[in-house]
Amino acid sequence: MRPKYLLSAAAIWLATTLPASAFDTIARSALVLDQASGTVLLAKEADIPIPPASMSKLMTLNMLFEALQDGRVNLDTEFTVSQKASQKGGSKMFVKQGGRVTVENLIRGIIVQSGNDACIVVAENLAGSEADFARIMTARARKLGMNESTFANATGWPDPNHRMSARDLVTLANRLMTQFPEYYGYFAEESFTWADITQKNRNPLLDKGIGADGLKTGHTEEAGYGLVGTARQDDRRVILMISGLNTADERAREAERLMNWAFRQFTQETLLKAGKNVAQAEVWLGAETTVGLEVADDISALIPYSSRDEIKMSVTYEGPIQAPVAKGTELGVLNIEIPGLPSQSYPVYASSDVQYAGLMKRLTVSAQKLQGALR
């Protein structure tokens, strides 16, 4: 067995203000995610199932968007309003019993007006009943990896069996953005008028000038005030979920604070360029004694500004490498450690061919090895 070599790559140490773990929130449950890198910047009780209130309407929208995507309905399809839907309390779109509403208007009624009545219309017209719709949503959530989500209704109405975790809500928000971009623009609409009643979008981040363009608020006495929100600045997008705030104003202030922190305290930087040697690996019985190790693609990472001078990079490989070596052969692993964030690993490859050594060199190396063994 050849020994395992640990080679320090050109110790690039780049810096952040505070490690992610040092930042906290007054929310009872929270998760902040950098979308492109998948880096969780902050997590607090993120996997505990909690009452999601109207934030769970995002799952109702997911089911409707899936129906649109696979052609079961289109934006002009009209859904019939039942008595149950028209009489539902709480936030309302104010649909009328016996009326017919297009799918597009129901989407606006759910997103902008948080209409419980609109959610029930969708549930009954897609699944026959709200109870059946809730069961289908729960099964679908499991298939999407949202294992802490259980639905008892389509609205987020308080129920002990209606629960979602912060991580599940952020996962769902990310899915709505990436899988249904053609419908995502509805989340940024600032108001919607139905039945001569104009209601403003409840998302407090939309008018903060921070690049926010979605997604959904929630509030019940049990859940407190919550928000699944997202914003984009330059090439970065951040998604957050907070819940358990005491007032709507507190929710707005905390959501804005967390967004500003996520954008201002972290930066996306290119650490290594594709084709750049990160280390040299020893070659056994090769025409060359070493071969360069390189990464196949540019490697970028989300870095806390305060930790830019503390990034560790190292390469491990099992060697010496037996000649001949073909360019592009995977030979080891590059490990990157960024303080306060999960470590990352990438394969490294031979940057050039190394031919088998000629006879004289092989004899010389063998003789040297024999002399060393006899000492």
Protein backbone atom coordinates (compact mmCIF):
# COMPACT_ATOMS: atom_id res chain seq x y z
CA MET A 1 0.00 0.00 0.00
CA ARG A 2 1.50 3.34 -1.02
CA PRO A 3 1.52 5.97 1.72
CA LYS A 4 -1.09 8.74 1.71
CA TYR A 5 0.43 12.15 1.11
CA LEU A 6 -1.00 15.37 2.50
CA LEU A 7 0.19 18.37 0.53
CA SER A 8 -0.64 21.93 1.53
CA ALA A 9 -1.69 23.86 -1.52
CA ALA A 10 -0.49 27.45 -1.75
CA ALA A 11 -2.15 28.39 1.53
CA ILE A 12 -4.60 30.93 0.30
CA TRP A 13 -6.22 32.54 3.32
CA LEU A 14 -8.83 35.08 2.38
CA ALA A 15 -11.24 36.99 5.55
CA THR A 16 -15.11 37.82 7.03
CA THR A 17 -16.45 39.98 9.85
CA LEU A 18 -18.02 37.29 11.98
CA PRO A 19 -18.32 33.57 11.43
CA ALA A 20 -21.88 32.62 10.56
CA SER A 21 -22.28 30.81 13.86
CA ALA A 22 -21.67 34.02 15.84
CA PHE A 23 -24.74 35.77 14.43
CA ASP A 24 -28.13 35.26 16.03
CA THR A 25 -31.75 36.24 15.55
CA ILE A 26 -34.68 37.02 17.82
CA ALA A 27 -36.87 34.75 15.71
CA ARG A 28 -37.86 31.49 17.39
CA SER A 29 -37.10 29.56 14.20
CA ALA A 30 -34.97 30.72 11.29
CA LEU A 31 -32.85 29.72 8.34
CA VAL A 32 -30.83 31.93 5.97
CA LEU A 33 -29.55 30.36 2.73
CA ASP A 34 -27.23 31.60 -0.01
CA GLN A 35 -28.99 30.11 -3.01
CA ALA A 36 -26.19 29.69 -5.54
CA SER A 37 -23.70 28.04 -3.20
CA GLY A 38 -26.31 26.26 -1.08
CA THR A 39 -24.51 27.57 2.01
CA VAL A 40 -26.63 27.86 5.15
CA LEU A 41 -25.54 31.15 6.72
CA LEU A 42 -27.71 30.87 9.81
CA ALA A 43 -29.93 28.14 11.25
CA LYS A 44 -31.97 28.25 14.44
CA GLU A 45 -34.39 25.44 15.30
CA ALA A 46 -34.43 24.95 11.53
CA ASP A 47 -35.55 21.29 11.54
CA ILE A 48 -38.26 21.57 14.19
CA PRO A 49 -41.79 21.24 12.78
CA ILE A 50 -43.69 24.42 13.69
CA PRO A 51 -47.05 25.94 12.75
CA PRO A 52 -46.31 27.69 9.45
CA ALA A 53 -49.51 29.75 9.23
CA SER A 54 -50.01 31.23 5.75
CA MET A 55 -46.43 30.47 4.73
CA SER A 56 -47.69 26.96 3.97
CA LYS A 57 -49.76 28.48 1.14
CA LEU A 58 -46.49 28.16 -0.81
CA MET A 59 -47.18 24.42 -0.95
CA THR A 60 -50.68 25.05 -2.26
CA LEU A 61 -49.09 27.22 -4.95
CA ASN A 62 -46.55 24.49 -5.70
CA MET A 63 -49.35 22.02 -6.39
CA LEU A 64 -51.09 24.54 -8.65
CA PHE A 65 -47.85 25.38 -10.49
CA GLU A 66 -47.24 21.66 -11.04
CA ALA A 67 -50.73 21.34 -12.53
CA LEU A 68 -49.94 24.25 -14.84
CA GLN A 69 -46.59 22.82 -15.81
CA ASP A 70 -47.94 19.40 -16.76
CA GLY A 71 -50.91 20.81 -18.65
CA ARG A 72 -53.77 19.78 -16.38
CA VAL A 73 -54.84 23.42 -16.23
CA ASN A 74 -53.78 26.72 -17.78
CA LEU A 75 -53.87 30.30 -16.53
CA ASP A 76 -57.29 30.85 -18.16
CA THR A 77 -58.88 27.74 -16.66
CA GLU A 78 -61.83 28.71 -14.48
CA PHE A 79 -62.38 27.13 -11.06
CA THR A 80 -65.79 27.07 -9.38
CA VAL A 81 -66.23 28.63 -5.92
CA SER A 82 -67.95 26.48 -3.30
CA GLN A 83 -69.92 27.61 -0.27
CA LYS A 84 -67.12 26.41 1.99
CA ALA A 85 -64.58 28.51 0.13
CA SER A 86 -66.68 31.65 0.04
CA GLN A 87 -67.46 31.47 3.77
CA LYS A 88 -63.91 30.79 4.97
CA GLY A 89 -62.69 33.35 7.49
CA GLY A 90 -59.32 35.02 7.93
CA SER A 91 -57.51 36.61 5.00
CA LYS A 92 -59.80 36.64 1.98
CA MET A 93 -59.78 37.28 -1.73
CA PHE A 94 -63.59 37.73 -1.44
CA VAL A 95 -64.66 35.19 -4.05
CA LYS A 96 -68.42 34.57 -4.30
CA GLN A 97 -70.19 31.23 -3.97
CA GLY A 98 -71.07 29.84 -7.40
CA GLY A 99 -68.68 32.20 -9.12
CA ARG A 100 -65.91 31.16 -11.45
CA VAL A 101 -62.35 32.46 -11.08
CA THR A 102 -59.41 31.95 -13.41
CA VAL A 103 -56.31 30.17 -12.20
CA GLU A 104 -54.26 33.33 -12.81
CA ASN A 105 -56.49 35.42 -10.57
CA LEU A 106 -56.43 32.73 -7.89
CA ILE A 107 -52.62 32.79 -7.95
CA ARG A 108 -52.73 36.55 -7.34
CA GLY A 109 -55.38 36.12 -4.68
CA ILE A 110 -53.19 33.64 -2.80
CA ILE A 111 -49.86 35.46 -3.18
CA VAL A 112 -50.88 39.10 -2.81
CA GLN A 113 -54.04 38.84 -0.71
CA SER A 114 -53.20 35.61 1.15
CA GLY A 115 -56.74 34.49 0.42
CA ASN A 116 -57.83 31.46 2.44
CA ASP A 117 -60.91 31.29 0.21
CA ALA A 118 -58.71 31.20 -2.91
CA CYS A 119 -56.66 28.32 -1.47
CA ILE A 120 -59.77 26.26 -0.82
CA VAL A 121 -61.00 26.91 -4.37
CA VAL A 122 -57.69 25.56 -5.70
CA ALA A 123 -57.76 22.56 -3.37
CA GLU A 124 -61.32 21.53 -4.20
CA ASN A 125 -60.90 21.96 -7.95
CA LEU A 126 -57.62 20.05 -8.10
CA ALA A 127 -58.35 17.26 -5.63
CA GLY A 128 -62.10 17.20 -5.01
CA SER A 129 -61.87 18.26 -1.38
CA GLU A 130 -59.56 20.22 0.86
CA ALA A 131 -58.90 17.14 3.02
CA ASP A 132 -57.82 15.09 0.01
CA PHE A 133 -55.69 17.97 -1.22
CA ALA A 134 -53.92 18.14 2.14
CA ARG A 135 -53.12 14.42 2.00
CA ILE A 136 -51.76 14.82 -1.54
CA MET A 137 -49.65 17.79 -0.43
CA THR A 138 -48.16 15.81 2.44
CA ALA A 139 -47.24 12.90 0.16
CA ARG A 140 -45.76 15.29 -2.39
CA ALA A 141 -43.71 17.05 0.28
CA ARG A 142 -42.15 13.73 1.26
CA LYS A 143 -41.14 13.05 -2.33
CA LEU A 144 -39.55 16.48 -2.52
CA GLY A 145 -37.50 15.79 0.61
CA MET A 146 -39.54 17.98 2.94
CA ASN A 147 -39.77 15.39 5.66
CA GLU A 148 -40.86 17.73 8.46
CA SER A 149 -43.96 18.92 6.58
CA THR A 150 -47.45 17.63 7.29
CA PHE A 151 -50.55 19.37 5.95
CA ALA A 152 -54.06 19.35 7.37
CA ASN A 153 -55.49 22.01 5.06
CA ALA A 154 -54.66 24.23 2.09
CA THR A 155 -54.56 27.53 3.96
CA GLY A 156 -52.29 27.27 6.98
CA TRP A 157 -55.31 27.50 9.28
CA PRO A 158 -54.29 26.46 12.83
CA ASP A 159 -54.33 22.70 13.26
CA PRO A 160 -52.08 20.49 15.44
CA ASN A 161 -51.38 18.30 12.40
CA HIS A 162 -50.33 21.20 10.17
CA ARG A 163 -46.58 21.68 10.51
CA MET A 164 -43.49 22.68 8.50
CA SER A 165 -39.86 23.32 9.42
CA ALA A 166 -37.84 26.39 8.49
CA ARG A 167 -35.62 24.23 6.29
CA ASP A 168 -38.62 22.76 4.47
CA LEU A 169 -40.03 26.23 3.82
CA VAL A 170 -36.73 27.48 2.40
CA THR A 171 -36.46 24.31 0.28
CA LEU A 172 -39.95 24.96 -1.03
CA ALA A 173 -39.23 28.62 -1.75
CA ASN A 174 -36.12 27.65 -3.70
CA ARG A 175 -38.15 25.15 -5.69
CA LEU A 176 -40.78 27.72 -6.64
CA MET A 177 -38.09 30.06 -7.94
CA THR A 178 -36.04 27.51 -9.86
CA GLN A 179 -38.72 25.15 -11.18
CA PHE A 180 -41.47 27.65 -12.02
CA PRO A 181 -39.73 30.85 -13.18
CA GLU A 182 -42.62 31.68 -15.51
CA TYR A 183 -44.92 32.13 -12.51
CA TYR A 184 -42.47 33.57 -10.02
CA GLY A 185 -43.10 37.18 -11.05
CA TYR A 186 -46.48 37.14 -9.30
CA PHE A 187 -44.69 37.20 -5.94
CA ALA A 188 -43.38 40.72 -6.61
CA GLU A 189 -46.80 42.25 -7.39
CA GLU A 190 -47.44 45.01 -4.88
CA SER A 191 -51.25 44.94 -4.98
CA PHE A 192 -54.19 43.11 -6.49
CA THR A 193 -57.83 44.11 -6.93
CA TRP A 194 -60.69 41.64 -6.86
CA ALA A 195 -64.40 42.34 -6.31
CA ASP A 196 -63.52 46.06 -6.30
CA ILE A 197 -61.34 45.52 -3.24
CA THR A 198 -57.66 46.39 -3.58
CA GLN A 199 -55.26 44.73 -1.16
CA LYS A 200 -51.52 45.31 -0.81
CA ASN A 201 -48.95 42.56 -0.79
CA ARG A 202 -48.16 41.74 2.84
CA ASN A 203 -44.44 41.05 2.18
CA PRO A 204 -42.64 43.81 4.14
CA LEU A 205 -39.39 43.44 2.20
CA LEU A 206 -40.74 44.45 -1.20
CA ASP A 207 -40.47 48.19 -0.57
CA LYS A 208 -37.11 48.18 1.26
CA GLY A 209 -34.96 48.69 -1.84
CA ILE A 210 -32.87 45.59 -1.13
CA GLY A 211 -33.76 43.56 -4.22
CA ALA A 212 -36.63 41.62 -2.62
CA ASP A 213 -39.12 39.97 -5.00
CA GLY A 214 -40.99 37.34 -2.92
CA LEU A 215 -42.37 35.20 -1.23
CA LYS A 216 -44.98 34.87 1.62
CA THR A 217 -45.86 36.06 5.10
CA GLY A 218 -47.75 34.19 7.79
CA HIS A 219 -49.37 34.93 11.11
CA THR A 220 -51.48 33.14 13.69
CA GLU A 221 -51.58 33.53 17.46
CA GLU A 222 -49.76 30.22 17.89
CA ALA A 223 -47.16 30.76 15.16
CA GLY A 224 -46.47 34.45 15.71
CA TYR A 225 -45.40 36.55 12.75
CA GLY A 226 -43.35 34.79 10.08
CA LEU A 227 -41.93 35.31 6.62
CA VAL A 228 -40.33 33.33 3.84
CA GLY A 229 -38.50 36.02 1.90
CA THR A 230 -35.88 36.36 -0.79
CA ALA A 231 -33.82 39.10 -2.36
CA ARG A 232 -31.31 39.35 -5.18
CA GLN A 233 -28.33 41.68 -5.33
CA ASP A 234 -25.96 41.46 -8.31
CA ASP A 235 -25.27 37.74 -8.82
CA ARG A 236 -26.31 36.62 -5.34
CA ARG A 237 -29.71 35.57 -4.06
CA VAL A 238 -30.52 34.98 -0.41
CA ILE A 239 -33.56 33.10 0.90
CA LEU A 240 -34.65 33.35 4.51
CA MET A 241 -37.36 32.07 6.78
CA ILE A 242 -38.16 33.57 10.18
CA SER A 243 -41.03 32.75 12.50
CA GLY A 244 -42.24 33.47 16.00
CA LEU A 245 -41.88 37.26 15.93
CA ASN A 246 -44.18 39.26 18.19
CA THR A 247 -45.45 41.92 15.78
CA ALA A 248 -45.56 42.68 12.06
CA ASP A 249 -43.10 45.54 12.58
CA GLU A 250 -40.69 43.27 14.43
CA ARG A 251 -40.93 40.76 11.58
CA ALA A 252 -40.15 43.45 9.01
CA ARG A 253 -37.17 44.80 10.95
CA GLU A 254 -35.67 41.37 11.62
CA ALA A 255 -36.11 40.18 8.04
CA GLU A 256 -34.42 43.30 6.68
CA ARG A 257 -31.62 43.01 9.25
CA LEU A 258 -30.90 39.40 8.31
CA MET A 259 -30.97 40.18 4.59
CA ASN A 260 -28.53 43.06 4.99
CA TRP A 261 -26.23 40.88 7.11
CA ALA A 262 -26.28 38.06 4.55
CA PHE A 263 -25.37 40.37 1.67
CA ARG A 264 -22.90 42.61 3.47
CA GLN A 265 -20.95 40.09 5.51
CA PHE A 266 -20.43 37.44 2.83
CA THR A 267 -18.93 37.60 -0.64
CA GLN A 268 -18.71 35.12 -3.51
CA GLU A 269 -15.09 34.82 -4.65
CA THR A 270 -13.17 32.68 -7.12
CA LEU A 271 -10.56 30.76 -5.16
CA LEU A 272 -8.99 28.76 -7.98
CA LYS A 273 -9.09 28.87 -11.76
CA ALA A 274 -9.58 25.74 -13.83
CA GLY A 275 -6.29 24.37 -15.10
CA LYS A 276 -4.20 25.99 -12.37
CA ASN A 277 -1.93 23.58 -10.51
CA VAL A 278 -2.81 23.40 -6.82
CA ALA A 279 -0.06 20.92 -5.90
CA GLN A 280 2.55 18.50 -7.25
CA ALA A 281 2.20 14.74 -6.73
CA GLU A 282 5.21 12.44 -6.64
CA VAL A 283 5.35 9.91 -9.50
CA TRP A 284 6.96 6.47 -9.15
CA LEU A 285 9.11 5.29 -12.07
CA GLY A 286 7.97 8.06 -14.37
CA ALA A 287 9.84 10.07 -16.97
CA GLU A 288 9.03 13.00 -14.66
CA THR A 289 9.32 12.77 -10.90
CA THR A 290 6.14 14.76 -10.26
CA VAL A 291 2.86 15.61 -11.93
CA GLY A 292 0.78 18.72 -11.40
CA LEU A 293 -2.66 18.45 -9.82
CA GLU A 294 -5.37 20.78 -11.06
CA VAL A 295 -9.10 21.35 -10.71
CA ALA A 296 -11.38 20.86 -13.70
CA ASP A 297 -13.54 23.95 -13.16
CA ASP A 298 -13.20 27.32 -11.53
CA ILE A 299 -13.85 27.00 -7.80
CA SER A 300 -15.71 29.81 -6.12
CA ALA A 301 -16.97 29.94 -2.58
CA LEU A 302 -19.06 32.10 -0.32
CA ILE A 303 -16.68 33.69 2.14
CA PRO A 304 -17.28 35.72 5.29
CA TYR A 305 -15.43 39.01 4.81
CA SER A 306 -13.80 38.65 8.23
CA SER A 307 -12.37 35.22 7.38
CA ARG A 308 -10.76 35.96 4.04
CA ASP A 309 -7.31 35.55 5.55
CA GLU A 310 -8.17 32.28 7.26
CA ILE A 311 -9.16 29.98 4.40
CA LYS A 312 -7.23 26.69 4.39
CA MET A 313 -6.70 24.65 1.26
CA SER A 314 -4.97 21.27 1.18
CA VAL A 315 -4.65 18.35 -1.21
CA THR A 316 -4.66 14.68 -0.27
CA TYR A 317 -3.67 11.84 -2.58
CA GLU A 318 -2.45 8.29 -2.24
CA GLY A 319 1.06 8.14 -3.61
CA PRO A 320 3.55 8.09 -5.04
CA ILE A 321 1.51 7.78 -8.23
CA GLN A 322 2.50 4.83 -10.40
CA ALA A 323 3.60 5.80 -13.92
CA PRO A 324 2.38 6.07 -16.59
CA VAL A 325 -0.11 8.86 -15.77
CA ALA A 326 -2.63 10.18 -18.28
CA LYS A 327 -3.62 13.84 -18.27
CA GLY A 328 -7.07 14.26 -16.71
CA THR A 329 -6.80 11.21 -14.43
CA GLU A 330 -8.41 11.86 -11.05
CA LEU A 331 -5.65 11.54 -8.47
CA GLY A 332 -6.80 13.15 -5.23
CA VAL A 333 -9.00 15.61 -3.38
CA LEU A 334 -8.73 19.32 -2.72
CA ASN A 335 -10.11 20.27 0.69
CA ILE A 336 -11.18 23.84 1.44
CA GLU A 337 -11.92 24.98 4.99
CA ILE A 338 -13.63 28.32 5.55
CA PRO A 339 -14.08 29.37 9.19
CA GLY A 340 -17.70 29.26 10.29
CA LEU A 341 -18.89 27.38 7.20
CA PRO A 342 -18.97 23.70 6.16
CA SER A 343 -15.78 22.33 4.56
CA GLN A 344 -15.83 21.66 0.82
CA SER A 345 -14.06 19.01 -1.26
CA TYR A 346 -13.27 18.85 -4.98
CA PRO A 347 -11.46 16.21 -7.09
CA VAL A 348 -8.06 17.08 -8.55
CA TYR A 349 -6.70 15.72 -11.81
CA ALA A 350 -3.31 15.15 -13.47
CA SER A 351 -2.43 18.30 -15.41
CA SER A 352 -0.19 16.47 -17.90
CA ASP A 353 0.86 13.07 -19.19
CA VAL A 354 3.78 11.35 -17.48
CA GLN A 355 5.31 8.52 -19.45
CA TYR A 356 6.90 5.41 -18.01
CA ALA A 357 10.61 5.99 -17.30
CA GLY A 358 13.25 4.53 -19.62
CA LEU A 359 15.17 1.39 -18.70
CA MET A 360 18.24 3.20 -17.35
CA LYS A 361 16.17 5.46 -15.10
CA ARG A 362 14.17 2.51 -13.79
CA LEU A 363 17.41 0.64 -13.00
CA THR A 364 18.82 3.72 -11.24
CA VAL A 365 15.70 4.24 -9.16
CA SER A 366 15.58 0.54 -8.24
CA ALA A 367 19.22 0.61 -7.22
CA GLN A 368 18.68 3.68 -5.09
CA LYS A 369 15.72 2.05 -3.43
CA LEU A 370 17.74 -1.14 -2.75
CA GLN A 371 20.63 0.87 -1.23
CA GLY A 372 18.19 2.69 1.01
CA ALA A 373 16.71 -0.60 2.19
CA LEU A 374 20.17 -2.01 3.00
CA ARG A 375 21.24 0.95 5.15
